[in-house]
Amino acid sequence: KAQKNAIYVYQMTTNPKNEASWTTIYKGLIAKFIKTGLTSGTRYYFRYAVILKGVQGAWSPVLSIIVP
């Protein structure tokens, strides 16, 4: 659920154990984000965090998907 005055940060990777591999794919005011252009057969990992009053909260649990 969207929070008022929040900034959302979405990241993705194919190697979640390597913290440096996480790439920010969206940062903005919209709570929902759709990532396109993924490669079929590849496993991707996603996470997000919310920034309120300039302070970033904890990362969400990691979501893993294999693109069909």
PDB file of N, CA and C in Angstrom:
ATOM      1  N   LYS A   1       0.847  -1.181   0.000  1.00  0.00           N
ATOM      2  CA  LYS A   1       0.000   0.000   0.000  1.00  0.00           C
ATOM      3  C   LYS A   1       0.886   1.236   0.000  1.00  0.00           C
ATOM      4  N   ALA A   2       0.560   2.186  -0.833  1.00  0.00           N
ATOM      5  CA  ALA A   2       1.347   3.410  -0.959  1.00  0.00           C
ATOM      6  C   ALA A   2       1.257   4.246   0.317  1.00  0.00           C
ATOM      7  N   GLN A   3       2.371   4.869   0.662  1.00  0.00           N
ATOM      8  CA  GLN A   3       2.426   5.749   1.820  1.00  0.00           C
ATOM      9  C   GLN A   3       2.582   7.184   1.339  1.00  0.00           C
ATOM     10  N   LYS A   4       1.909   8.103   1.991  1.00  0.00           N
ATOM     11  CA  LYS A   4       1.965   9.506   1.608  1.00  0.00           C
ATOM     12  C   LYS A   4       3.381  10.050   1.804  1.00  0.00           C
ATOM     13  N   ASN A   5       3.865  10.805   0.833  1.00  0.00           N
ATOM     14  CA  ASN A   5       5.195  11.438   0.878  1.00  0.00           C
ATOM     15  C   ASN A   5       6.345  10.432   0.934  1.00  0.00           C
ATOM     16  N   ALA A   6       6.145   9.246   0.417  1.00  0.00           N
ATOM     17  CA  ALA A   6       7.185   8.216   0.422  1.00  0.00           C
ATOM     18  C   ALA A   6       7.865   8.132  -0.930  1.00  0.00           C
ATOM     19  N   ILE A   7       9.125   7.762  -0.909  1.00  0.00           N
ATOM     20  CA  ILE A   7       9.875   7.450  -2.114  1.00  0.00           C
ATOM     21  C   ILE A   7      10.163   5.955  -2.074  1.00  0.00           C
ATOM     22  N   TYR A   8       9.958   5.286  -3.185  1.00  0.00           N
ATOM     23  CA  TYR A   8      10.156   3.843  -3.270  1.00  0.00           C
ATOM     24  C   TYR A   8      11.403   3.547  -4.087  1.00  0.00           C
ATOM     25  N   VAL A   9      12.197   2.616  -3.600  1.00  0.00           N
ATOM     26  CA  VAL A   9      13.414   2.201  -4.295  1.00  0.00           C
ATOM     27  C   VAL A   9      13.280   0.707  -4.585  1.00  0.00           C
ATOM     28  N   TYR A  10      13.363   0.352  -5.864  1.00  0.00           N
ATOM     29  CA  TYR A  10      13.294  -1.047  -6.278  1.00  0.00           C
ATOM     30  C   TYR A  10      14.654  -1.455  -6.834  1.00  0.00           C
ATOM     31  N   GLN A  11      15.115  -2.644  -6.440  1.00  0.00           N
ATOM     32  CA  GLN A  11      16.375  -3.169  -6.943  1.00  0.00           C
ATOM     33  C   GLN A  11      16.193  -4.586  -7.443  1.00  0.00           C
ATOM     34  N   MET A  12      17.106  -5.004  -8.341  1.00  0.00           N
ATOM     35  CA  MET A  12      17.095  -6.375  -8.842  1.00  0.00           C
ATOM     36  C   MET A  12      18.523  -6.868  -9.011  1.00  0.00           C
ATOM     37  N   THR A  13      18.662  -8.196  -9.062  1.00  0.00           N
ATOM     38  CA  THR A  13      19.952  -8.841  -9.283  1.00  0.00           C
ATOM     39  C   THR A  13      19.708 -10.268  -9.752  1.00  0.00           C
ATOM     40  N   THR A  14      20.770 -10.909 -10.226  1.00  0.00           N
ATOM     41  CA  THR A  14      20.723 -12.352 -10.504  1.00  0.00           C
ATOM     42  C   THR A  14      21.611 -13.090  -9.498  1.00  0.00           C
ATOM     43  N   ASN A  15      22.253 -12.355  -8.601  1.00  0.00           N
ATOM     44  CA  ASN A  15      23.153 -12.946  -7.604  1.00  0.00           C
ATOM     45  C   ASN A  15      22.934 -12.259  -6.259  1.00  0.00           C
ATOM     46  N   PRO A  16      21.909 -12.669  -5.505  1.00  0.00           N
ATOM     47  CA  PRO A  16      21.546 -11.952  -4.283  1.00  0.00           C
ATOM     48  C   PRO A  16      22.595 -12.026  -3.164  1.00  0.00           C
ATOM     49  N   LYS A  17      23.508 -12.978  -3.231  1.00  0.00           N
ATOM     50  CA  LYS A  17      24.526 -13.094  -2.178  1.00  0.00           C
ATOM     51  C   LYS A  17      25.617 -12.049  -2.323  1.00  0.00           C
ATOM     52  N   ASN A  18      25.693 -11.412  -3.503  1.00  0.00           N
ATOM     53  CA  ASN A  18      26.680 -10.367  -3.749  1.00  0.00           C
ATOM     54  C   ASN A  18      25.987  -9.013  -3.622  1.00  0.00           C
ATOM     55  N   GLU A  19      26.152  -8.355  -2.497  1.00  0.00           N
ATOM     56  CA  GLU A  19      25.466  -7.084  -2.230  1.00  0.00           C
ATOM     57  C   GLU A  19      25.759  -6.040  -3.311  1.00  0.00           C
ATOM     58  N   ALA A  20      26.961  -6.062  -3.848  1.00  0.00           N
ATOM     59  CA  ALA A  20      27.350  -5.086  -4.874  1.00  0.00           C
ATOM     60  C   ALA A  20      26.635  -5.314  -6.205  1.00  0.00           C
ATOM     61  N   SER A  21      26.015  -6.481  -6.390  1.00  0.00           N
ATOM     62  CA  SER A  21      25.355  -6.776  -7.666  1.00  0.00           C
ATOM     63  C   SER A  21      23.945  -6.198  -7.760  1.00  0.00           C
ATOM     64  N   TRP A  22      23.392  -5.725  -6.657  1.00  0.00           N
ATOM     65  CA  TRP A  22      22.038  -5.158  -6.689  1.00  0.00           C
ATOM     66  C   TRP A  22      22.042  -3.847  -7.475  1.00  0.00           C
ATOM     67  N   THR A  23      21.110  -3.747  -8.419  1.00  0.00           N
ATOM     68  CA  THR A  23      20.993  -2.568  -9.275  1.00  0.00           C
ATOM     69  C   THR A  23      19.652  -1.891  -9.028  1.00  0.00           C
ATOM     70  N   THR A  24      19.667  -0.593  -8.831  1.00  0.00           N
ATOM     71  CA  THR A  24      18.420   0.153  -8.671  1.00  0.00           C
ATOM     72  C   THR A  24      17.745   0.281 -10.034  1.00  0.00           C
ATOM     73  N   ILE A  25      16.510  -0.192 -10.111  1.00  0.00           N
ATOM     74  CA  ILE A  25      15.770  -0.155 -11.375  1.00  0.00           C
ATOM     75  C   ILE A  25      14.656   0.878 -11.356  1.00  0.00           C
ATOM     76  N   TYR A  26      14.331   1.393 -10.173  1.00  0.00           N
ATOM     77  CA  TYR A  26      13.333   2.455 -10.069  1.00  0.00           C
ATOM     78  C   TYR A  26      13.492   3.146  -8.723  1.00  0.00           C
ATOM     79  N   LYS A  27      13.353   4.462  -8.745  1.00  0.00           N
ATOM     80  CA  LYS A  27      13.311   5.252  -7.512  1.00  0.00           C
ATOM     81  C   LYS A  27      12.355   6.398  -7.777  1.00  0.00           C
ATOM     82  N   GLY A  28      11.242   6.405  -7.045  1.00  0.00           N
ATOM     83  CA  GLY A  28      10.255   7.444  -7.293  1.00  0.00           C
ATOM     84  C   GLY A  28       9.074   7.337  -6.360  1.00  0.00           C
ATOM     85  N   LEU A  29       8.014   8.061  -6.698  1.00  0.00           N
ATOM     86  CA  LEU A  29       6.846   8.187  -5.831  1.00  0.00           C
ATOM     87  C   LEU A  29       5.791   7.110  -6.032  1.00  0.00           C
ATOM     88  N   ILE A  30       5.943   6.287  -7.058  1.00  0.00           N
ATOM     89  CA  ILE A  30       4.940   5.271  -7.360  1.00  0.00           C
ATOM     90  C   ILE A  30       5.255   3.975  -6.603  1.00  0.00           C
ATOM     91  N   ALA A  31       4.260   3.460  -5.890  1.00  0.00           N
ATOM     92  CA  ALA A  31       4.471   2.271  -5.057  1.00  0.00           C
ATOM     93  C   ALA A  31       4.548   0.984  -5.871  1.00  0.00           C
ATOM     94  N   LYS A  32       3.926   0.962  -7.042  1.00  0.00           N
ATOM     95  CA  LYS A  32       3.951  -0.236  -7.886  1.00  0.00           C
ATOM     96  C   LYS A  32       4.856   0.007  -9.072  1.00  0.00           C
ATOM     97  N   PHE A  33       5.625  -1.016  -9.418  1.00  0.00           N
ATOM     98  CA  PHE A  33       6.577  -0.886 -10.509  1.00  0.00           C
ATOM     99  C   PHE A  33       6.591  -2.178 -11.303  1.00  0.00           C
ATOM    100  N   ILE A  34       6.599  -2.094 -12.630  1.00  0.00           N
ATOM    101  CA  ILE A  34       6.660  -3.275 -13.499  1.00  0.00           C
ATOM    102  C   ILE A  34       7.967  -3.231 -14.276  1.00  0.00           C
ATOM    103  N   LYS A  35       8.754  -4.280 -14.156  1.00  0.00           N
ATOM    104  CA  LYS A  35      10.031  -4.381 -14.862  1.00  0.00           C
ATOM    105  C   LYS A  35       9.816  -5.181 -16.137  1.00  0.00           C
ATOM    106  N   THR A  36      10.246  -4.627 -17.251  1.00  0.00           N
ATOM    107  CA  THR A  36      10.137  -5.324 -18.530  1.00  0.00           C
ATOM    108  C   THR A  36      11.540  -5.613 -19.058  1.00  0.00           C
ATOM    109  N   GLY A  37      11.603  -6.371 -20.133  1.00  0.00           N
ATOM    110  CA  GLY A  37      12.877  -6.636 -20.786  1.00  0.00           C
ATOM    111  C   GLY A  37      13.721  -7.707 -20.114  1.00  0.00           C
ATOM    112  N   LEU A  38      13.087  -8.580 -19.350  1.00  0.00           N
ATOM    113  CA  LEU A  38      13.828  -9.652 -18.674  1.00  0.00           C
ATOM    114  C   LEU A  38      14.050 -10.822 -19.625  1.00  0.00           C
ATOM    115  N   THR A  39      15.096 -11.589 -19.378  1.00  0.00           N
ATOM    116  CA  THR A  39      15.468 -12.704 -20.239  1.00  0.00           C
ATOM    117  C   THR A  39      14.776 -13.992 -19.805  1.00  0.00           C
ATOM    118  N   SER A  40      14.142 -14.673 -20.748  1.00  0.00           N
ATOM    119  CA  SER A  40      13.457 -15.930 -20.479  1.00  0.00           C
ATOM    120  C   SER A  40      14.437 -16.969 -19.932  1.00  0.00           C
ATOM    121  N   GLY A  41      13.990 -17.704 -18.914  1.00  0.00           N
ATOM    122  CA  GLY A  41      14.800 -18.765 -18.321  1.00  0.00           C
ATOM    123  C   GLY A  41      15.776 -18.285 -17.256  1.00  0.00           C
ATOM    124  N   THR A  42      15.821 -16.996 -17.006  1.00  0.00           N
ATOM    125  CA  THR A  42      16.746 -16.440 -16.023  1.00  0.00           C
ATOM    126  C   THR A  42      16.034 -16.215 -14.698  1.00  0.00           C
ATOM    127  N   ARG A  43      16.713 -16.521 -13.593  1.00  0.00           N
ATOM    128  CA  ARG A  43      16.162 -16.256 -12.261  1.00  0.00           C
ATOM    129  C   ARG A  43      16.600 -14.852 -11.840  1.00  0.00           C
ATOM    130  N   TYR A  44      15.622 -14.050 -11.450  1.00  0.00           N
ATOM    131  CA  TYR A  44      15.874 -12.698 -10.968  1.00  0.00           C
ATOM    132  C   TYR A  44      15.402 -12.578  -9.526  1.00  0.00           C
ATOM    133  N   TYR A  45      16.047 -11.698  -8.802  1.00  0.00           N
ATOM    134  CA  TYR A  45      15.701 -11.419  -7.407  1.00  0.00           C
ATOM    135  C   TYR A  45      15.387  -9.925  -7.299  1.00  0.00           C
ATOM    136  N   PHE A  46      14.339  -9.622  -6.566  1.00  0.00           N
ATOM    137  CA  PHE A  46      13.892  -8.246  -6.416  1.00  0.00           C
ATOM    138  C   PHE A  46      13.696  -7.912  -4.943  1.00  0.00           C
ATOM    139  N   ARG A  47      13.900  -6.637  -4.618  1.00  0.00           N
ATOM    140  CA  ARG A  47      13.616  -6.131  -3.279  1.00  0.00           C
ATOM    141  C   ARG A  47      13.275  -4.645  -3.408  1.00  0.00           C
ATOM    142  N   TYR A  48      12.658  -4.118  -2.356  1.00  0.00           N
ATOM    143  CA  TYR A  48      12.354  -2.688  -2.356  1.00  0.00           C
ATOM    144  C   TYR A  48      12.506  -2.132  -0.949  1.00  0.00           C
ATOM    145  N   ALA A  49      12.639  -0.838  -0.874  1.00  0.00           N
ATOM    146  CA  ALA A  49      12.677  -0.129   0.401  1.00  0.00           C
ATOM    147  C   ALA A  49      11.882   1.160   0.248  1.00  0.00           C
ATOM    148  N   VAL A  50      11.427   1.673   1.380  1.00  0.00           N
ATOM    149  CA  VAL A  50      10.667   2.918   1.401  1.00  0.00           C
ATOM    150  C   VAL A  50      11.500   3.977   2.105  1.00  0.00           C
ATOM    151  N   ILE A  51      11.535   5.165   1.510  1.00  0.00           N
ATOM    152  CA  ILE A  51      12.228   6.297   2.115  1.00  0.00           C
ATOM    153  C   ILE A  51      11.173   7.288   2.600  1.00  0.00           C
ATOM    154  N   LEU A  52      11.179   7.545   3.904  1.00  0.00           N
ATOM    155  CA  LEU A  52      10.266   8.514   4.506  1.00  0.00           C
ATOM    156  C   LEU A  52      11.085   9.570   5.225  1.00  0.00           C
ATOM    157  N   LYS A  53      10.804  10.825   4.960  1.00  0.00           N
ATOM    158  CA  LYS A  53      11.501  11.951   5.589  1.00  0.00           C
ATOM    159  C   LYS A  53      13.010  11.811   5.458  1.00  0.00           C
ATOM    160  N   GLY A  54      13.459  11.310   4.296  1.00  0.00           N
ATOM    161  CA  GLY A  54      14.882  11.193   4.026  1.00  0.00           C
ATOM    162  C   GLY A  54      15.572   9.992   4.633  1.00  0.00           C
ATOM    163  N   VAL A  55      14.839   9.136   5.316  1.00  0.00           N
ATOM    164  CA  VAL A  55      15.422   7.959   5.962  1.00  0.00           C
ATOM    165  C   VAL A  55      14.916   6.698   5.269  1.00  0.00           C
ATOM    166  N   GLN A  56      15.845   5.889   4.772  1.00  0.00           N
ATOM    167  CA  GLN A  56      15.451   4.638   4.107  1.00  0.00           C
ATOM    168  C   GLN A  56      15.190   3.563   5.137  1.00  0.00           C
ATOM    169  N   GLY A  57      14.065   2.881   4.973  1.00  0.00           N
ATOM    170  CA  GLY A  57      13.732   1.756   5.827  1.00  0.00           C
ATOM    171  C   GLY A  57      14.476   0.507   5.381  1.00  0.00           C
ATOM    172  N   ALA A  58      14.223  -0.579   6.066  1.00  0.00           N
ATOM    173  CA  ALA A  58      14.863  -1.856   5.751  1.00  0.00           C
ATOM    174  C   ALA A  58      14.393  -2.362   4.392  1.00  0.00           C
ATOM    175  N   TRP A  59      15.237  -3.168   3.758  1.00  0.00           N
ATOM    176  CA  TRP A  59      14.846  -3.801   2.507  1.00  0.00           C
ATOM    177  C   TRP A  59      13.751  -4.826   2.777  1.00  0.00           C
ATOM    178  N   SER A  60      12.855  -4.964   1.828  1.00  0.00           N
ATOM    179  CA  SER A  60      11.798  -5.971   1.904  1.00  0.00           C
ATOM    180  C   SER A  60      12.418  -7.364   1.828  1.00  0.00           C
ATOM    181  N   PRO A  61      11.643  -8.396   2.163  1.00  0.00           N
ATOM    182  CA  PRO A  61      12.118  -9.741   1.862  1.00  0.00           C
ATOM    183  C   PRO A  61      12.345  -9.856   0.353  1.00  0.00           C
ATOM    184  N   VAL A  62      13.312 -10.653  -0.029  1.00  0.00           N
ATOM    185  CA  VAL A  62      13.671 -10.807  -1.447  1.00  0.00           C
ATOM    186  C   VAL A  62      12.654 -11.711  -2.141  1.00  0.00           C
ATOM    187  N   LEU A  63      12.189 -11.260  -3.310  1.00  0.00           N
ATOM    188  CA  LEU A  63      11.288 -12.039  -4.149  1.00  0.00           C
ATOM    189  C   LEU A  63      12.091 -12.624  -5.288  1.00  0.00           C
ATOM    190  N   SER A  64      11.930 -13.915  -5.523  1.00  0.00           N
ATOM    191  CA  SER A  64      12.664 -14.607  -6.586  1.00  0.00           C
ATOM    192  C   SER A  64      11.688 -15.102  -7.649  1.00  0.00           C
ATOM    193  N   ILE A  65      12.034 -14.846  -8.934  1.00  0.00           N
ATOM    194  CA  ILE A  65      11.206 -15.360 -10.019  1.00  0.00           C
ATOM    195  C   ILE A  65      12.106 -15.893 -11.125  1.00  0.00           C
ATOM    196  N   ILE A  66      11.597 -16.884 -11.843  1.00  0.00           N
ATOM    197  CA  ILE A  66      12.242 -17.353 -13.079  1.00  0.00           C
ATOM    198  C   ILE A  66      11.312 -16.916 -14.205  1.00  0.00           C
ATOM    199  N   VAL A  67      11.858 -16.168 -15.149  1.00  0.00           N
ATOM    200  CA  VAL A  67      11.041 -15.665 -16.245  1.00  0.00           C
ATOM    201  C   VAL A  67      10.700 -16.829 -17.181  1.00  0.00           C
ATOM    202  N   PRO A  68       9.411 -17.026 -17.472  1.00  0.00           N
ATOM    203  CA  PRO A  68       9.021 -18.136 -18.356  1.00  0.00           C
ATOM    204  C   PRO A  68       9.509 -17.952 -19.774  1.00  0.00           C
TER     205      PRO A  68
END
